[in-house]
Amino acid sequence: MQSATQTASVSKKSLWAGRIISALMVLFLLFDSGLKVMKLAPAVEATARLGYPASLVFPIGIAELICLALFVIPRTSILGAILLTGYLGGATATQVRLHWFFFPVVLGVLVWGGLFLRDDRLRALLPLRSVPTSTVPG
C-alpha cells in the first residue's frame, strides 16, 4: 500500500526535460562562477558596477560553486536548489537597485522547474495536481 506522499515515477519526457533544463542552468552557473573564481576582468568589472568591492569576486564565486555542487549531486539536489535560491535572491536584490531584476528570477524558476521535472521527492512535497477526494456516501 502506498502512502499519500508517494507519487508515480517521473515520465521519461519529464525526466529528460528536467535534465536538459537543469543541465543548462548548471552550465550557465558554472561559467558564471568560473569567471568569478578566476577573477577575470568581466566578472570584476561587473561586480564593481553593481557596487561591490573587487575583493568579493572570488568569495562570491566560491559560494556559487558550493551551491552548484550540492545541486548537481542527486542526494543533495534539493538542498542545493534552496541554497541557489538564496544566492539568486541576493542577485535579485542587487539588481533591483538597478531596476532590472528579471534575469536572476528566471534562473531561480528554471533551477526549481528542472528539479521538479526530474525529482519524485520534490513532486511528493509540492503536488501541482489536486488529489481527488473520496466521496463518502451520505
N, C-alpha and C. Protein backbone atom coordinates (compact mmCIF):
# COMPACT_ATOMS: atom_id res chain seq x y z
N MET A 1 0.84 -1.18 0.00
CA MET A 1 0.00 0.00 0.00
C MET A 1 0.88 1.24 0.00
N GLN A 2 0.58 2.20 -0.88
CA GLN A 2 1.36 3.43 -0.96
C GLN A 2 0.81 4.46 0.01
N SER A 3 1.73 5.24 0.57
CA SER A 3 1.28 6.32 1.44
C SER A 3 0.82 7.49 0.59
N ALA A 4 0.18 8.46 1.21
CA ALA A 4 -0.36 9.61 0.49
C ALA A 4 0.74 10.49 -0.10
N THR A 5 1.96 10.41 0.45
CA THR A 5 3.03 11.26 -0.05
C THR A 5 3.80 10.63 -1.20
N GLN A 6 3.58 9.36 -1.49
CA GLN A 6 4.27 8.72 -2.60
C GLN A 6 3.57 9.07 -3.90
N THR A 7 4.37 9.24 -4.95
CA THR A 7 3.81 9.56 -6.25
C THR A 7 4.32 8.56 -7.27
N ALA A 8 3.68 8.56 -8.42
CA ALA A 8 4.14 7.72 -9.50
C ALA A 8 5.49 8.24 -9.98
N SER A 9 6.26 7.36 -10.61
CA SER A 9 7.57 7.78 -11.08
C SER A 9 7.44 8.83 -12.18
N VAL A 10 8.50 9.57 -12.36
CA VAL A 10 8.53 10.64 -13.35
C VAL A 10 8.52 10.02 -14.75
N SER A 11 7.72 10.58 -15.65
CA SER A 11 7.69 10.08 -17.01
C SER A 11 9.02 10.37 -17.69
N LYS A 12 9.31 9.63 -18.75
CA LYS A 12 10.59 9.82 -19.45
C LYS A 12 10.69 11.22 -20.04
N LYS A 13 9.59 11.75 -20.56
CA LYS A 13 9.61 13.11 -21.12
C LYS A 13 9.92 14.14 -20.05
N SER A 14 9.25 14.03 -18.91
CA SER A 14 9.50 14.96 -17.81
C SER A 14 10.93 14.84 -17.30
N LEU A 15 11.39 13.61 -17.18
CA LEU A 15 12.74 13.38 -16.70
C LEU A 15 13.77 14.05 -17.61
N TRP A 16 13.63 13.84 -18.92
CA TRP A 16 14.59 14.43 -19.86
C TRP A 16 14.44 15.94 -19.96
N ALA A 17 13.23 16.44 -19.89
CA ALA A 17 13.04 17.90 -19.89
C ALA A 17 13.71 18.50 -18.66
N GLY A 18 13.53 17.87 -17.51
CA GLY A 18 14.16 18.34 -16.28
C GLY A 18 15.67 18.27 -16.34
N ARG A 19 16.18 17.18 -16.92
CA ARG A 19 17.64 17.05 -17.06
C ARG A 19 18.21 18.13 -17.97
N ILE A 20 17.52 18.41 -19.07
CA ILE A 20 18.01 19.42 -20.01
C ILE A 20 17.97 20.81 -19.38
N ILE A 21 16.86 21.14 -18.75
CA ILE A 21 16.76 22.46 -18.08
C ILE A 21 17.83 22.58 -17.00
N SER A 22 17.98 21.54 -16.19
CA SER A 22 18.98 21.58 -15.11
C SER A 22 20.39 21.67 -15.68
N ALA A 23 20.65 20.93 -16.75
CA ALA A 23 21.99 20.97 -17.36
C ALA A 23 22.31 22.36 -17.89
N LEU A 24 21.33 23.01 -18.51
CA LEU A 24 21.56 24.38 -19.00
C LEU A 24 21.83 25.34 -17.85
N MET A 25 21.10 25.19 -16.77
CA MET A 25 21.33 26.04 -15.60
C MET A 25 22.70 25.79 -15.00
N VAL A 26 23.08 24.51 -14.89
CA VAL A 26 24.38 24.16 -14.33
C VAL A 26 25.50 24.73 -15.21
N LEU A 27 25.38 24.59 -16.52
CA LEU A 27 26.41 25.12 -17.42
C LEU A 27 26.53 26.64 -17.29
N PHE A 28 25.40 27.33 -17.25
CA PHE A 28 25.45 28.79 -17.12
C PHE A 28 26.07 29.20 -15.79
N LEU A 29 25.61 28.59 -14.70
CA LEU A 29 26.11 28.97 -13.38
C LEU A 29 27.57 28.55 -13.19
N LEU A 30 27.97 27.45 -13.82
CA LEU A 30 29.37 27.04 -13.77
C LEU A 30 30.25 28.05 -14.51
N PHE A 31 29.79 28.52 -15.66
CA PHE A 31 30.50 29.55 -16.40
C PHE A 31 30.61 30.83 -15.56
N ASP A 32 29.49 31.23 -14.96
CA ASP A 32 29.45 32.45 -14.15
C ASP A 32 30.39 32.34 -12.95
N SER A 33 30.31 31.23 -12.24
CA SER A 33 31.18 31.07 -11.06
C SER A 33 32.64 30.93 -11.47
N GLY A 34 32.90 30.30 -12.60
CA GLY A 34 34.28 30.17 -13.09
C GLY A 34 34.91 31.52 -13.37
N LEU A 35 34.14 32.42 -13.98
CA LEU A 35 34.65 33.77 -14.23
C LEU A 35 35.02 34.46 -12.92
N LYS A 36 34.19 34.25 -11.90
CA LYS A 36 34.43 34.90 -10.61
C LYS A 36 35.62 34.29 -9.88
N VAL A 37 35.70 32.97 -9.88
CA VAL A 37 36.80 32.31 -9.18
C VAL A 37 38.14 32.64 -9.83
N MET A 38 38.16 32.75 -11.14
CA MET A 38 39.40 33.10 -11.84
C MET A 38 39.66 34.60 -11.85
N LYS A 39 38.74 35.36 -11.27
CA LYS A 39 38.84 36.83 -11.18
C LYS A 39 39.11 37.47 -12.55
N LEU A 40 38.40 37.00 -13.55
CA LEU A 40 38.56 37.57 -14.89
C LEU A 40 37.96 38.97 -14.93
N ALA A 41 38.50 39.78 -15.81
CA ALA A 41 38.12 41.19 -15.89
C ALA A 41 36.61 41.43 -16.00
N PRO A 42 35.88 40.67 -16.86
CA PRO A 42 34.44 40.93 -16.95
C PRO A 42 33.71 40.74 -15.61
N ALA A 43 34.11 39.74 -14.85
CA ALA A 43 33.47 39.49 -13.55
C ALA A 43 33.81 40.59 -12.55
N VAL A 44 35.06 40.99 -12.53
CA VAL A 44 35.50 42.04 -11.59
C VAL A 44 34.82 43.36 -11.93
N GLU A 45 34.78 43.70 -13.23
CA GLU A 45 34.15 44.95 -13.66
C GLU A 45 32.65 44.95 -13.35
N ALA A 46 31.98 43.83 -13.65
CA ALA A 46 30.54 43.75 -13.39
C ALA A 46 30.24 43.86 -11.90
N THR A 47 31.05 43.23 -11.08
CA THR A 47 30.86 43.29 -9.64
C THR A 47 31.05 44.72 -9.13
N ALA A 48 32.05 45.40 -9.66
CA ALA A 48 32.29 46.80 -9.27
C ALA A 48 31.13 47.69 -9.71
N ARG A 49 30.59 47.45 -10.91
CA ARG A 49 29.45 48.24 -11.40
C ARG A 49 28.22 48.04 -10.52
N LEU A 50 28.12 46.87 -9.91
CA LEU A 50 26.98 46.58 -9.03
C LEU A 50 27.18 47.15 -7.63
N GLY A 51 28.35 47.72 -7.38
CA GLY A 51 28.58 48.37 -6.11
C GLY A 51 29.30 47.52 -5.08
N TYR A 52 29.84 46.39 -5.47
CA TYR A 52 30.58 45.54 -4.54
C TYR A 52 32.07 45.69 -4.77
N PRO A 53 32.88 45.56 -3.72
CA PRO A 53 34.33 45.66 -3.90
C PRO A 53 34.86 44.46 -4.69
N ALA A 54 35.92 44.70 -5.43
CA ALA A 54 36.52 43.64 -6.26
C ALA A 54 37.02 42.48 -5.40
N SER A 55 37.33 42.74 -4.15
CA SER A 55 37.83 41.67 -3.27
C SER A 55 36.77 40.60 -2.98
N LEU A 56 35.50 40.89 -3.27
CA LEU A 56 34.43 39.91 -3.02
C LEU A 56 34.15 39.00 -4.20
N VAL A 57 34.78 39.24 -5.34
CA VAL A 57 34.50 38.44 -6.53
C VAL A 57 34.82 36.97 -6.28
N PHE A 58 35.99 36.67 -5.75
CA PHE A 58 36.39 35.29 -5.50
C PHE A 58 35.49 34.59 -4.49
N PRO A 59 35.22 35.18 -3.31
CA PRO A 59 34.33 34.50 -2.36
C PRO A 59 32.91 34.28 -2.90
N ILE A 60 32.41 35.22 -3.69
CA ILE A 60 31.09 35.05 -4.28
C ILE A 60 31.11 33.87 -5.25
N GLY A 61 32.17 33.75 -6.03
CA GLY A 61 32.31 32.63 -6.96
C GLY A 61 32.39 31.29 -6.24
N ILE A 62 33.12 31.25 -5.12
CA ILE A 62 33.23 30.01 -4.33
C ILE A 62 31.87 29.63 -3.75
N ALA A 63 31.15 30.61 -3.23
CA ALA A 63 29.81 30.34 -2.68
C ALA A 63 28.89 29.77 -3.77
N GLU A 64 28.96 30.35 -4.95
CA GLU A 64 28.14 29.86 -6.06
C GLU A 64 28.53 28.43 -6.44
N LEU A 65 29.83 28.15 -6.47
CA LEU A 65 30.29 26.79 -6.80
C LEU A 65 29.82 25.76 -5.77
N ILE A 66 29.85 26.12 -4.49
CA ILE A 66 29.39 25.20 -3.44
C ILE A 66 27.90 24.91 -3.61
N CYS A 67 27.12 25.95 -3.82
CA CYS A 67 25.67 25.75 -4.04
C CYS A 67 25.43 24.87 -5.27
N LEU A 68 26.18 25.13 -6.32
CA LEU A 68 26.03 24.38 -7.56
C LEU A 68 26.43 22.92 -7.38
N ALA A 69 27.51 22.67 -6.65
CA ALA A 69 27.94 21.30 -6.39
C ALA A 69 26.86 20.52 -5.64
N LEU A 70 26.25 21.16 -4.66
CA LEU A 70 25.17 20.49 -3.92
C LEU A 70 23.96 20.24 -4.82
N PHE A 71 23.70 21.15 -5.75
CA PHE A 71 22.58 20.98 -6.67
C PHE A 71 22.81 19.83 -7.64
N VAL A 72 24.05 19.63 -8.05
CA VAL A 72 24.37 18.60 -9.04
C VAL A 72 24.30 17.19 -8.44
N ILE A 73 24.64 17.04 -7.18
CA ILE A 73 24.62 15.72 -6.53
C ILE A 73 23.16 15.35 -6.26
N PRO A 74 22.67 14.24 -6.84
CA PRO A 74 21.25 13.90 -6.68
C PRO A 74 20.77 13.84 -5.23
N ARG A 75 21.58 13.33 -4.34
CA ARG A 75 21.16 13.19 -2.95
C ARG A 75 20.97 14.54 -2.25
N THR A 76 21.71 15.56 -2.69
CA THR A 76 21.63 16.88 -2.06
C THR A 76 21.05 17.94 -2.99
N SER A 77 20.40 17.53 -4.06
CA SER A 77 19.93 18.48 -5.07
C SER A 77 18.89 19.46 -4.52
N ILE A 78 18.03 19.02 -3.63
CA ILE A 78 17.02 19.93 -3.08
C ILE A 78 17.70 20.97 -2.18
N LEU A 79 18.65 20.55 -1.36
CA LEU A 79 19.42 21.50 -0.55
C LEU A 79 20.16 22.49 -1.46
N GLY A 80 20.76 21.99 -2.54
CA GLY A 80 21.45 22.86 -3.48
C GLY A 80 20.51 23.86 -4.11
N ALA A 81 19.30 23.43 -4.46
CA ALA A 81 18.31 24.35 -5.04
C ALA A 81 17.90 25.41 -4.04
N ILE A 82 17.77 25.03 -2.78
CA ILE A 82 17.43 26.00 -1.73
C ILE A 82 18.54 27.03 -1.60
N LEU A 83 19.79 26.57 -1.58
CA LEU A 83 20.91 27.49 -1.45
C LEU A 83 21.07 28.37 -2.70
N LEU A 84 20.83 27.80 -3.88
CA LEU A 84 20.88 28.60 -5.10
C LEU A 84 19.77 29.65 -5.10
N THR A 85 18.63 29.32 -4.51
CA THR A 85 17.56 30.30 -4.38
C THR A 85 18.01 31.49 -3.54
N GLY A 86 18.71 31.20 -2.45
CA GLY A 86 19.26 32.27 -1.62
C GLY A 86 20.29 33.09 -2.38
N TYR A 87 21.16 32.41 -3.09
CA TYR A 87 22.19 33.10 -3.88
C TYR A 87 21.54 33.99 -4.94
N LEU A 88 20.59 33.44 -5.66
CA LEU A 88 19.91 34.21 -6.71
C LEU A 88 19.01 35.29 -6.10
N GLY A 89 18.54 35.08 -4.89
CA GLY A 89 17.79 36.13 -4.20
C GLY A 89 18.66 37.33 -3.92
N GLY A 90 19.91 37.07 -3.55
CA GLY A 90 20.86 38.17 -3.36
C GLY A 90 21.14 38.89 -4.66
N ALA A 91 21.26 38.11 -5.74
CA ALA A 91 21.47 38.72 -7.06
C ALA A 91 20.25 39.56 -7.46
N THR A 92 19.07 39.07 -7.13
CA THR A 92 17.85 39.82 -7.43
C THR A 92 17.82 41.13 -6.64
N ALA A 93 18.15 41.06 -5.36
CA ALA A 93 18.16 42.26 -4.53
C ALA A 93 19.15 43.29 -5.06
N THR A 94 20.30 42.81 -5.53
CA THR A 94 21.29 43.71 -6.10
C THR A 94 20.77 44.34 -7.38
N GLN A 95 20.13 43.52 -8.22
CA GLN A 95 19.63 44.01 -9.50
C GLN A 95 18.44 44.96 -9.34
N VAL A 96 17.68 44.81 -8.27
CA VAL A 96 16.53 45.70 -8.04
C VAL A 96 17.00 47.15 -7.95
N ARG A 97 18.17 47.36 -7.36
CA ARG A 97 18.70 48.72 -7.26
C ARG A 97 18.94 49.33 -8.64
N LEU A 98 19.18 48.48 -9.63
CA LEU A 98 19.44 48.95 -11.00
C LEU A 98 18.18 48.89 -11.86
N HIS A 99 17.06 48.55 -11.24
CA HIS A 99 15.77 48.48 -11.94
C HIS A 99 15.74 47.41 -13.03
N TRP A 100 16.52 46.36 -12.85
CA TRP A 100 16.49 45.25 -13.81
C TRP A 100 16.79 43.98 -13.05
N PHE A 101 15.73 43.26 -12.66
CA PHE A 101 15.92 42.09 -11.81
C PHE A 101 15.29 40.83 -12.39
N PHE A 102 14.88 40.87 -13.62
CA PHE A 102 14.16 39.74 -14.23
C PHE A 102 15.05 38.51 -14.38
N PHE A 103 16.30 38.68 -14.77
CA PHE A 103 17.18 37.56 -15.10
C PHE A 103 17.43 36.60 -13.93
N PRO A 104 17.84 37.07 -12.74
CA PRO A 104 18.05 36.12 -11.65
C PRO A 104 16.76 35.42 -11.21
N VAL A 105 15.63 36.08 -11.35
CA VAL A 105 14.36 35.45 -11.00
C VAL A 105 14.08 34.30 -11.97
N VAL A 106 14.30 34.52 -13.25
CA VAL A 106 14.10 33.47 -14.26
C VAL A 106 15.03 32.30 -13.98
N LEU A 107 16.29 32.58 -13.65
CA LEU A 107 17.22 31.50 -13.33
C LEU A 107 16.72 30.67 -12.16
N GLY A 108 16.23 31.33 -11.12
CA GLY A 108 15.70 30.61 -9.96
C GLY A 108 14.51 29.73 -10.33
N VAL A 109 13.62 30.25 -11.15
CA VAL A 109 12.46 29.47 -11.59
C VAL A 109 12.92 28.25 -12.40
N LEU A 110 13.91 28.45 -13.26
CA LEU A 110 14.40 27.33 -14.07
C LEU A 110 15.14 26.29 -13.22
N VAL A 111 15.86 26.73 -12.19
CA VAL A 111 16.52 25.78 -11.29
C VAL A 111 15.48 24.87 -10.64
N TRP A 112 14.42 25.48 -10.09
CA TRP A 112 13.38 24.70 -9.44
C TRP A 112 12.53 23.92 -10.44
N GLY A 113 12.26 24.50 -11.60
CA GLY A 113 11.47 23.80 -12.62
C GLY A 113 12.17 22.55 -13.10
N GLY A 114 13.47 22.64 -13.39
CA GLY A 114 14.22 21.47 -13.83
C GLY A 114 14.25 20.40 -12.76
N LEU A 115 14.44 20.81 -11.52
CA LEU A 115 14.47 19.84 -10.42
C LEU A 115 13.09 19.21 -10.22
N PHE A 116 12.05 20.00 -10.31
CA PHE A 116 10.69 19.48 -10.14
C PHE A 116 10.37 18.43 -11.20
N LEU A 117 10.80 18.67 -12.43
CA LEU A 117 10.50 17.74 -13.52
C LEU A 117 11.26 16.42 -13.39
N ARG A 118 12.37 16.42 -12.69
CA ARG A 118 13.18 15.20 -12.63
C ARG A 118 13.22 14.51 -11.28
N ASP A 119 12.61 15.07 -10.25
CA ASP A 119 12.75 14.51 -8.91
C ASP A 119 11.40 14.15 -8.28
N ASP A 120 11.21 12.86 -8.02
CA ASP A 120 9.98 12.37 -7.38
C ASP A 120 9.77 12.96 -6.00
N ARG A 121 10.86 13.12 -5.24
CA ARG A 121 10.75 13.62 -3.86
C ARG A 121 10.13 15.02 -3.84
N LEU A 122 10.57 15.86 -4.77
CA LEU A 122 10.04 17.21 -4.82
C LEU A 122 8.59 17.21 -5.27
N ARG A 123 8.25 16.34 -6.21
CA ARG A 123 6.85 16.23 -6.65
C ARG A 123 5.95 15.78 -5.51
N ALA A 124 6.48 14.93 -4.64
CA ALA A 124 5.69 14.48 -3.50
C ALA A 124 5.45 15.62 -2.50
N LEU A 125 6.45 16.49 -2.36
CA LEU A 125 6.32 17.62 -1.44
C LEU A 125 5.43 18.73 -1.98
N LEU A 126 5.47 18.92 -3.31
CA LEU A 126 4.74 20.01 -3.95
C LEU A 126 3.85 19.47 -5.07
N PRO A 127 2.79 18.78 -4.73
CA PRO A 127 1.92 18.26 -5.79
C PRO A 127 1.18 19.41 -6.48
N LEU A 128 1.30 19.49 -7.78
CA LEU A 128 0.64 20.58 -8.51
C LEU A 128 -0.78 20.19 -8.93
N ARG A 129 -1.08 18.93 -8.88
CA ARG A 129 -2.43 18.48 -9.21
C ARG A 129 -3.18 18.22 -7.91
N SER A 130 -4.46 18.50 -7.96
CA SER A 130 -5.25 18.20 -6.77
C SER A 130 -5.53 16.71 -6.72
N VAL A 131 -5.47 16.16 -5.56
CA VAL A 131 -5.74 14.75 -5.36
C VAL A 131 -7.23 14.60 -5.18
N PRO A 132 -7.86 13.73 -5.99
CA PRO A 132 -9.31 13.59 -5.83
C PRO A 132 -9.65 13.03 -4.45
N THR A 133 -10.62 13.65 -3.84
CA THR A 133 -11.06 13.17 -2.54
C THR A 133 -12.10 12.08 -2.74
N SER A 134 -12.06 11.12 -1.86
CA SER A 134 -13.05 10.04 -1.97
C SER A 134 -14.38 10.55 -1.45
N THR A 135 -15.42 10.16 -2.13
CA THR A 135 -16.75 10.58 -1.71
C THR A 135 -17.29 9.56 -0.72
N VAL A 136 -17.82 10.07 0.33
CA VAL A 136 -18.40 9.22 1.36
C VAL A 136 -19.91 9.24 1.19
N PRO A 137 -20.51 8.06 0.99
CA PRO A 137 -21.96 8.05 0.84
C PRO A 137 -22.65 8.59 2.09
N GLY A 138 -23.67 9.41 1.84
CA GLY A 138 -24.36 10.14 2.87
C GLY A 138 -25.06 9.37 3.87
